[in-house]
Amino acid sequence: TRAANVNVVEGFYVPISSLSKLPASSTSDD
């Protein structure tokens, strides 16, 4: 963007339909 404004924000973008494709939980401490 060419915007001069500073947006001091961060976050996560979460498409709902893709959530089930994430890896299963691991029990390893690592």
PDB file of all heavy atoms in Angstrom:
ATOM      1  N   THR A   1       0.826  -1.197   0.000  1.00  0.00           N
ATOM      2  CA  THR A   1       0.000   0.000   0.000  1.00  0.00           C
ATOM      3  C   THR A   1       0.858   1.243   0.000  1.00  0.00           C
ATOM      4  O   THR A   1       1.987   1.237   0.493  1.00  0.00           O
ATOM      5  CB  THR A   1      -0.942   0.025   1.224  1.00  0.00           C
ATOM      6  OG1 THR A   1      -1.655   1.261   1.247  1.00  0.00           O
ATOM      7  CG2 THR A   1      -0.161  -0.148   2.521  1.00  0.00           C
ATOM      8  N   ARG A   2       0.304   2.322  -0.546  1.00  0.00           N
ATOM      9  CA  ARG A   2       0.993   3.608  -0.555  1.00  0.00           C
ATOM     10  C   ARG A   2       0.542   4.481   0.609  1.00  0.00           C
ATOM     11  O   ARG A   2       0.891   5.647   0.689  1.00  0.00           O
ATOM     12  CB  ARG A   2       0.707   4.333  -1.876  1.00  0.00           C
ATOM     13  CG  ARG A   2       1.260   3.637  -3.091  1.00  0.00           C
ATOM     14  CD  ARG A   2       0.791   4.329  -4.365  1.00  0.00           C
ATOM     15  NE  ARG A   2       1.136   5.748  -4.373  1.00  0.00           N
ATOM     16  CZ  ARG A   2       0.743   6.590  -5.325  1.00  0.00           C
ATOM     17  NH1 ARG A   2      -0.016   6.156  -6.320  1.00  0.00           N
ATOM     18  NH2 ARG A   2       1.085   7.860  -5.270  1.00  0.00           N
ATOM     19  N   ALA A   3      -0.259   3.924   1.513  1.00  0.00           N
ATOM     20  CA  ALA A   3      -0.800   4.718   2.608  1.00  0.00           C
ATOM     21  C   ALA A   3       0.311   5.254   3.502  1.00  0.00           C
ATOM     22  O   ALA A   3       1.274   4.563   3.807  1.00  0.00           O
ATOM     23  CB  ALA A   3      -1.774   3.883   3.441  1.00  0.00           C
ATOM     24  N   ALA A   4       0.145   6.522   3.935  1.00  0.00           N
ATOM     25  CA  ALA A   4       1.124   7.131   4.830  1.00  0.00           C
ATOM     26  C   ALA A   4       0.831   6.795   6.283  1.00  0.00           C
ATOM     27  O   ALA A   4       1.708   6.894   7.134  1.00  0.00           O
ATOM     28  CB  ALA A   4       1.115   8.646   4.638  1.00  0.00           C
ATOM     29  N   ASN A   5      -0.413   6.405   6.590  1.00  0.00           N
ATOM     30  CA  ASN A   5      -0.790   6.113   7.972  1.00  0.00           C
ATOM     31  C   ASN A   5      -0.078   4.871   8.481  1.00  0.00           C
ATOM     32  O   ASN A   5       0.139   3.914   7.749  1.00  0.00           O
ATOM     33  CB  ASN A   5      -2.301   5.892   8.085  1.00  0.00           C
ATOM     34  CG  ASN A   5      -3.090   7.155   7.836  1.00  0.00           C
ATOM     35  OD1 ASN A   5      -2.555   8.247   7.969  1.00  0.00           O
ATOM     36  ND2 ASN A   5      -4.336   7.009   7.467  1.00  0.00           N
ATOM     37  N   VAL A   6       0.280   4.906   9.761  1.00  0.00           N
ATOM     38  CA  VAL A   6       0.884   3.753  10.410  1.00  0.00           C
ATOM     39  C   VAL A   6      -0.214   2.990  11.132  1.00  0.00           C
ATOM     40  O   VAL A   6      -0.924   3.548  11.961  1.00  0.00           O
ATOM     41  CB  VAL A   6       1.960   4.192  11.418  1.00  0.00           C
ATOM     42  CG1 VAL A   6       2.535   2.982  12.141  1.00  0.00           C
ATOM     43  CG2 VAL A   6       3.064   4.961  10.704  1.00  0.00           C
ATOM     44  N   ASN A   7      -0.384   1.703  10.810  1.00  0.00           N
ATOM     45  CA  ASN A   7      -1.352   0.858  11.495  1.00  0.00           C
ATOM     46  C   ASN A   7      -0.583  -0.044  12.456  1.00  0.00           C
ATOM     47  O   ASN A   7       0.117  -0.962  12.031  1.00  0.00           O
ATOM     48  CB  ASN A   7      -2.133   0.009  10.491  1.00  0.00           C
ATOM     49  CG  ASN A   7      -3.102   0.838   9.677  1.00  0.00           C
ATOM     50  OD1 ASN A   7      -4.239   1.033  10.058  1.00  0.00           O
ATOM     51  ND2 ASN A   7      -2.632   1.341   8.547  1.00  0.00           N
ATOM     52  N   VAL A   8      -0.693   0.239  13.731  1.00  0.00           N
ATOM     53  CA  VAL A   8       0.051  -0.535  14.723  1.00  0.00           C
ATOM     54  C   VAL A   8      -0.849  -1.658  15.209  1.00  0.00           C
ATOM     55  O   VAL A   8      -1.489  -1.582  16.263  1.00  0.00           O
ATOM     56  CB  VAL A   8       0.527   0.360  15.881  1.00  0.00           C
ATOM     57  CG1 VAL A   8       1.474  -0.418  16.791  1.00  0.00           C
ATOM     58  CG2 VAL A   8       1.227   1.597  15.349  1.00  0.00           C
ATOM     59  N   VAL A   9      -0.910  -2.702  14.414  1.00  0.00           N
ATOM     60  CA  VAL A   9      -1.767  -3.851  14.695  1.00  0.00           C
ATOM     61  C   VAL A   9      -1.092  -5.101  14.157  1.00  0.00           C
ATOM     62  O   VAL A   9      -0.342  -5.054  13.176  1.00  0.00           O
ATOM     63  CB  VAL A   9      -3.167  -3.667  14.048  1.00  0.00           C
ATOM     64  CG1 VAL A   9      -3.056  -3.573  12.521  1.00  0.00           C
ATOM     65  CG2 VAL A   9      -4.113  -4.799  14.439  1.00  0.00           C
ATOM     66  N   GLU A  10      -1.326  -6.205  14.812  1.00  0.00           N
ATOM     67  CA  GLU A  10      -0.890  -7.510  14.302  1.00  0.00           C
ATOM     68  C   GLU A  10      -1.986  -8.512  14.611  1.00  0.00           C
ATOM     69  O   GLU A  10      -2.880  -8.245  15.429  1.00  0.00           O
ATOM     70  CB  GLU A  10       0.425  -7.950  14.938  1.00  0.00           C
ATOM     71  CG  GLU A  10       0.311  -8.216  16.428  1.00  0.00           C
ATOM     72  CD  GLU A  10       1.505  -8.984  16.986  1.00  0.00           C
ATOM     73  OE1 GLU A  10       2.300  -9.513  16.195  1.00  0.00           O
ATOM     74  OE2 GLU A  10       1.611  -9.064  18.229  1.00  0.00           O
ATOM     75  N   GLY A  11      -1.925  -9.663  13.953  1.00  0.00           N
ATOM     76  CA  GLY A  11      -2.954 -10.641  14.256  1.00  0.00           C
ATOM     77  C   GLY A  11      -2.890 -11.876  13.397  1.00  0.00           C
ATOM     78  O   GLY A  11      -1.927 -12.113  12.656  1.00  0.00           O
ATOM     79  N   PHE A  12      -3.958 -12.658  13.481  1.00  0.00           N
ATOM     80  CA  PHE A  12      -4.092 -13.903  12.734  1.00  0.00           C
ATOM     81  C   PHE A  12      -5.319 -13.825  11.836  1.00  0.00           C
ATOM     82  O   PHE A  12      -6.379 -13.339  12.239  1.00  0.00           O
ATOM     83  CB  PHE A  12      -4.249 -15.093  13.682  1.00  0.00           C
ATOM     84  CG  PHE A  12      -3.123 -15.247  14.661  1.00  0.00           C
ATOM     85  CD1 PHE A  12      -3.374 -15.393  16.021  1.00  0.00           C
ATOM     86  CD2 PHE A  12      -1.808 -15.246  14.233  1.00  0.00           C
ATOM     87  CE1 PHE A  12      -2.343 -15.535  16.926  1.00  0.00           C
ATOM     88  CE2 PHE A  12      -0.763 -15.394  15.131  1.00  0.00           C
ATOM     89  CZ  PHE A  12      -1.031 -15.541  16.489  1.00  0.00           C
ATOM     90  N   TYR A  13      -5.155 -14.312  10.631  1.00  0.00           N
ATOM     91  CA  TYR A  13      -6.219 -14.391   9.633  1.00  0.00           C
ATOM     92  C   TYR A  13      -6.660 -15.853   9.584  1.00  0.00           C
ATOM     93  O   TYR A  13      -5.857 -16.738   9.290  1.00  0.00           O
ATOM     94  CB  TYR A  13      -5.662 -13.914   8.290  1.00  0.00           C
ATOM     95  CG  TYR A  13      -6.525 -14.131   7.069  1.00  0.00           C
ATOM     96  CD1 TYR A  13      -7.334 -13.114   6.584  1.00  0.00           C
ATOM     97  CD2 TYR A  13      -6.475 -15.332   6.358  1.00  0.00           C
ATOM     98  CE1 TYR A  13      -8.089 -13.293   5.426  1.00  0.00           C
ATOM     99  CE2 TYR A  13      -7.223 -15.521   5.214  1.00  0.00           C
ATOM    100  CZ  TYR A  13      -8.035 -14.492   4.750  1.00  0.00           C
ATOM    101  OH  TYR A  13      -8.771 -14.674   3.614  1.00  0.00           O
ATOM    102  N   VAL A  14      -7.929 -16.093   9.905  1.00  0.00           N
ATOM    103  CA  VAL A  14      -8.406 -17.472  10.103  1.00  0.00           C
ATOM    104  C   VAL A  14      -9.597 -17.767   9.197  1.00  0.00           C
ATOM    105  O   VAL A  14     -10.739 -17.430   9.523  1.00  0.00           O
ATOM    106  CB  VAL A  14      -8.817 -17.699  11.576  1.00  0.00           C
ATOM    107  CG1 VAL A  14      -9.134 -19.162  11.831  1.00  0.00           C
ATOM    108  CG2 VAL A  14      -7.749 -17.201  12.534  1.00  0.00           C
ATOM    109  N   PRO A  15      -9.380 -18.379   8.016  1.00  0.00           N
ATOM    110  CA  PRO A  15     -10.507 -18.809   7.189  1.00  0.00           C
ATOM    111  C   PRO A  15     -11.180 -20.026   7.823  1.00  0.00           C
ATOM    112  O   PRO A  15     -10.547 -21.058   8.031  1.00  0.00           O
ATOM    113  CB  PRO A  15      -9.857 -19.147   5.849  1.00  0.00           C
ATOM    114  CG  PRO A  15      -8.419 -19.394   6.156  1.00  0.00           C
ATOM    115  CD  PRO A  15      -8.077 -18.660   7.412  1.00  0.00           C
ATOM    116  N   ILE A  16     -12.445 -19.887   8.165  1.00  0.00           N
ATOM    117  CA  ILE A  16     -13.141 -20.910   8.942  1.00  0.00           C
ATOM    118  C   ILE A  16     -13.099 -22.274   8.270  1.00  0.00           C
ATOM    119  O   ILE A  16     -12.879 -23.303   8.915  1.00  0.00           O
ATOM    120  CB  ILE A  16     -14.607 -20.499   9.178  1.00  0.00           C
ATOM    121  CG1 ILE A  16     -14.668 -19.164   9.933  1.00  0.00           C
ATOM    122  CG2 ILE A  16     -15.348 -21.570   9.961  1.00  0.00           C
ATOM    123  CD1 ILE A  16     -14.031 -19.200  11.282  1.00  0.00           C
ATOM    124  N   SER A  17     -13.295 -22.296   6.957  1.00  0.00           N
ATOM    125  CA  SER A  17     -13.393 -23.577   6.259  1.00  0.00           C
ATOM    126  C   SER A  17     -12.077 -24.344   6.253  1.00  0.00           C
ATOM    127  O   SER A  17     -12.062 -25.545   5.959  1.00  0.00           O
ATOM    128  CB  SER A  17     -13.865 -23.349   4.818  1.00  0.00           C
ATOM    129  OG  SER A  17     -12.943 -22.535   4.116  1.00  0.00           O
ATOM    130  N   SER A  18     -10.956 -23.680   6.583  1.00  0.00           N
ATOM    131  CA  SER A  18      -9.651 -24.337   6.554  1.00  0.00           C
ATOM    132  C   SER A  18      -9.206 -24.863   7.907  1.00  0.00           C
ATOM    133  O   SER A  18      -8.179 -25.536   8.000  1.00  0.00           O
ATOM    134  CB  SER A  18      -8.578 -23.368   6.021  1.00  0.00           C
ATOM    135  OG  SER A  18      -8.849 -23.004   4.690  1.00  0.00           O
ATOM    136  N   LEU A  19      -9.964 -24.562   8.959  1.00  0.00           N
ATOM    137  CA  LEU A  19      -9.509 -24.926  10.294  1.00  0.00           C
ATOM    138  C   LEU A  19      -9.345 -26.426  10.479  1.00  0.00           C
ATOM    139  O   LEU A  19      -8.431 -26.883  11.159  1.00  0.00           O
ATOM    140  CB  LEU A  19     -10.489 -24.382  11.345  1.00  0.00           C
ATOM    141  CG  LEU A  19     -10.435 -22.867  11.562  1.00  0.00           C
ATOM    142  CD1 LEU A  19     -11.526 -22.438  12.526  1.00  0.00           C
ATOM    143  CD2 LEU A  19      -9.080 -22.441  12.079  1.00  0.00           C
ATOM    144  N   SER A  20     -10.230 -27.201   9.884  1.00  0.00           N
ATOM    145  CA  SER A  20     -10.165 -28.649  10.064  1.00  0.00           C
ATOM    146  C   SER A  20      -8.940 -29.262   9.388  1.00  0.00           C
ATOM    147  O   SER A  20      -8.611 -30.424   9.638  1.00  0.00           O
ATOM    148  CB  SER A  20     -11.434 -29.296   9.505  1.00  0.00           C
ATOM    149  OG  SER A  20     -11.561 -29.020   8.124  1.00  0.00           O
ATOM    150  N   LYS A  21      -8.239 -28.507   8.545  1.00  0.00           N
ATOM    151  CA  LYS A  21      -7.076 -29.026   7.829  1.00  0.00           C
ATOM    152  C   LYS A  21      -5.773 -28.852   8.616  1.00  0.00           C
ATOM    153  O   LYS A  21      -4.720 -29.303   8.181  1.00  0.00           O
ATOM    154  CB  LYS A  21      -6.937 -28.314   6.475  1.00  0.00           C
ATOM    155  CG  LYS A  21      -8.154 -28.495   5.580  1.00  0.00           C
ATOM    156  CD  LYS A  21      -8.027 -27.664   4.315  1.00  0.00           C
ATOM    157  CE  LYS A  21      -9.286 -27.767   3.464  1.00  0.00           C
ATOM    158  NZ  LYS A  21      -9.210 -26.905   2.257  1.00  0.00           N
ATOM    159  N   LEU A  22      -5.850 -28.187   9.766  1.00  0.00           N
ATOM    160  CA  LEU A  22      -4.644 -27.999  10.565  1.00  0.00           C
ATOM    161  C   LEU A  22      -4.187 -29.318  11.168  1.00  0.00           C
ATOM    162  O   LEU A  22      -5.000 -30.230  11.369  1.00  0.00           O
ATOM    163  CB  LEU A  22      -4.905 -26.984  11.669  1.00  0.00           C
ATOM    164  CG  LEU A  22      -5.082 -25.541  11.203  1.00  0.00           C
ATOM    165  CD1 LEU A  22      -5.479 -24.661  12.369  1.00  0.00           C
ATOM    166  CD2 LEU A  22      -3.810 -25.024  10.567  1.00  0.00           C
ATOM    167  N   PRO A  23      -2.916 -29.437  11.496  1.00  0.00           N
ATOM    168  CA  PRO A  23      -2.404 -30.690  12.043  1.00  0.00           C
ATOM    169  C   PRO A  23      -3.038 -31.026  13.385  1.00  0.00           C
ATOM    170  O   PRO A  23      -3.430 -30.145  14.150  1.00  0.00           O
ATOM    171  CB  PRO A  23      -0.901 -30.433  12.189  1.00  0.00           C
ATOM    172  CG  PRO A  23      -0.765 -28.956  12.212  1.00  0.00           C
ATOM    173  CD  PRO A  23      -1.855 -28.432  11.330  1.00  0.00           C
ATOM    174  N   ALA A  24      -3.120 -32.314  13.672  1.00  0.00           N
ATOM    175  CA  ALA A  24      -3.681 -32.767  14.946  1.00  0.00           C
ATOM    176  C   ALA A  24      -2.743 -32.420  16.088  1.00  0.00           C
ATOM    177  O   ALA A  24      -1.555 -32.186  15.898  1.00  0.00           O
ATOM    178  CB  ALA A  24      -3.915 -34.279  14.898  1.00  0.00           C
ATOM    179  N   SER A  25      -3.291 -32.399  17.278  1.00  0.00           N
ATOM    180  CA  SER A  25      -2.505 -32.061  18.464  1.00  0.00           C
ATOM    181  C   SER A  25      -1.406 -33.090  18.707  1.00  0.00           C
ATOM    182  O   SER A  25      -1.583 -34.281  18.468  1.00  0.00           O
ATOM    183  CB  SER A  25      -3.425 -31.978  19.682  1.00  0.00           C
ATOM    184  OG  SER A  25      -2.683 -31.718  20.838  1.00  0.00           O
ATOM    185  N   SER A  26      -0.259 -32.592  19.170  1.00  0.00           N
ATOM    186  CA  SER A  26       0.863 -33.462  19.506  1.00  0.00           C
ATOM    187  C   SER A  26       1.051 -33.496  21.017  1.00  0.00           C
ATOM    188  O   SER A  26       0.756 -32.532  21.705  1.00  0.00           O
ATOM    189  CB  SER A  26       2.145 -32.951  18.829  1.00  0.00           C
ATOM    190  OG  SER A  26       3.261 -33.610  19.330  1.00  0.00           O
ATOM    191  N   THR A  27       1.520 -34.617  21.534  1.00  0.00           N
ATOM    192  CA  THR A  27       1.768 -34.734  22.974  1.00  0.00           C
ATOM    193  C   THR A  27       3.235 -34.551  23.319  1.00  0.00           C
ATOM    194  O   THR A  27       3.617 -34.620  24.463  1.00  0.00           O
ATOM    195  CB  THR A  27       1.304 -36.114  23.482  1.00  0.00           C
ATOM    196  OG1 THR A  27       1.995 -37.130  22.744  1.00  0.00           O
ATOM    197  CG2 THR A  27      -0.195 -36.275  23.297  1.00  0.00           C
ATOM    198  N   SER A  28       4.054 -34.314  22.320  1.00  0.00           N
ATOM    199  CA  SER A  28       5.480 -34.136  22.546  1.00  0.00           C
ATOM    200  C   SER A  28       5.767 -32.752  23.137  1.00  0.00           C
ATOM    201  O   SER A  28       5.199 -31.755  22.702  1.00  0.00           O
ATOM    202  CB  SER A  28       6.244 -34.296  21.226  1.00  0.00           C
ATOM    203  OG  SER A  28       7.576 -33.877  21.374  1.00  0.00           O
ATOM    204  N   ASP A  29       6.670 -32.708  24.141  1.00  0.00           N
ATOM    205  CA  ASP A  29       7.037 -31.424  24.714  1.00  0.00           C
ATOM    206  C   ASP A  29       7.672 -30.513  23.674  1.00  0.00           C
ATOM    207  O   ASP A  29       7.530 -29.295  23.732  1.00  0.00           O
ATOM    208  CB  ASP A  29       8.007 -31.621  25.877  1.00  0.00           C
ATOM    209  CG  ASP A  29       7.343 -32.272  27.077  1.00  0.00           C
ATOM    210  OD1 ASP A  29       6.096 -32.201  27.154  1.00  0.00           O
ATOM    211  OD2 ASP A  29       8.065 -32.844  27.923  1.00  0.00           O
ATOM    212  N   ASP A  30       8.390 -31.108  22.703  1.00  0.00           N
ATOM    213  CA  ASP A  30       9.038 -30.320  21.666  1.00  0.00           C
ATOM    214  C   ASP A  30       8.021 -29.679  20.735  1.00  0.00           C
ATOM    215  O   ASP A  30       8.341 -28.744  20.012  1.00  0.00           O
ATOM    216  CB  ASP A  30       9.993 -31.195  20.846  1.00  0.00           C
ATOM    217  CG  ASP A  30      11.175 -31.680  21.694  1.00  0.00           C
ATOM    218  OD1 ASP A  30      11.475 -31.020  22.702  1.00  0.00           O
ATOM    219  OD2 ASP A  30      11.759 -32.720  21.339  1.00  0.00           O
TER     220      ASP A  30
END
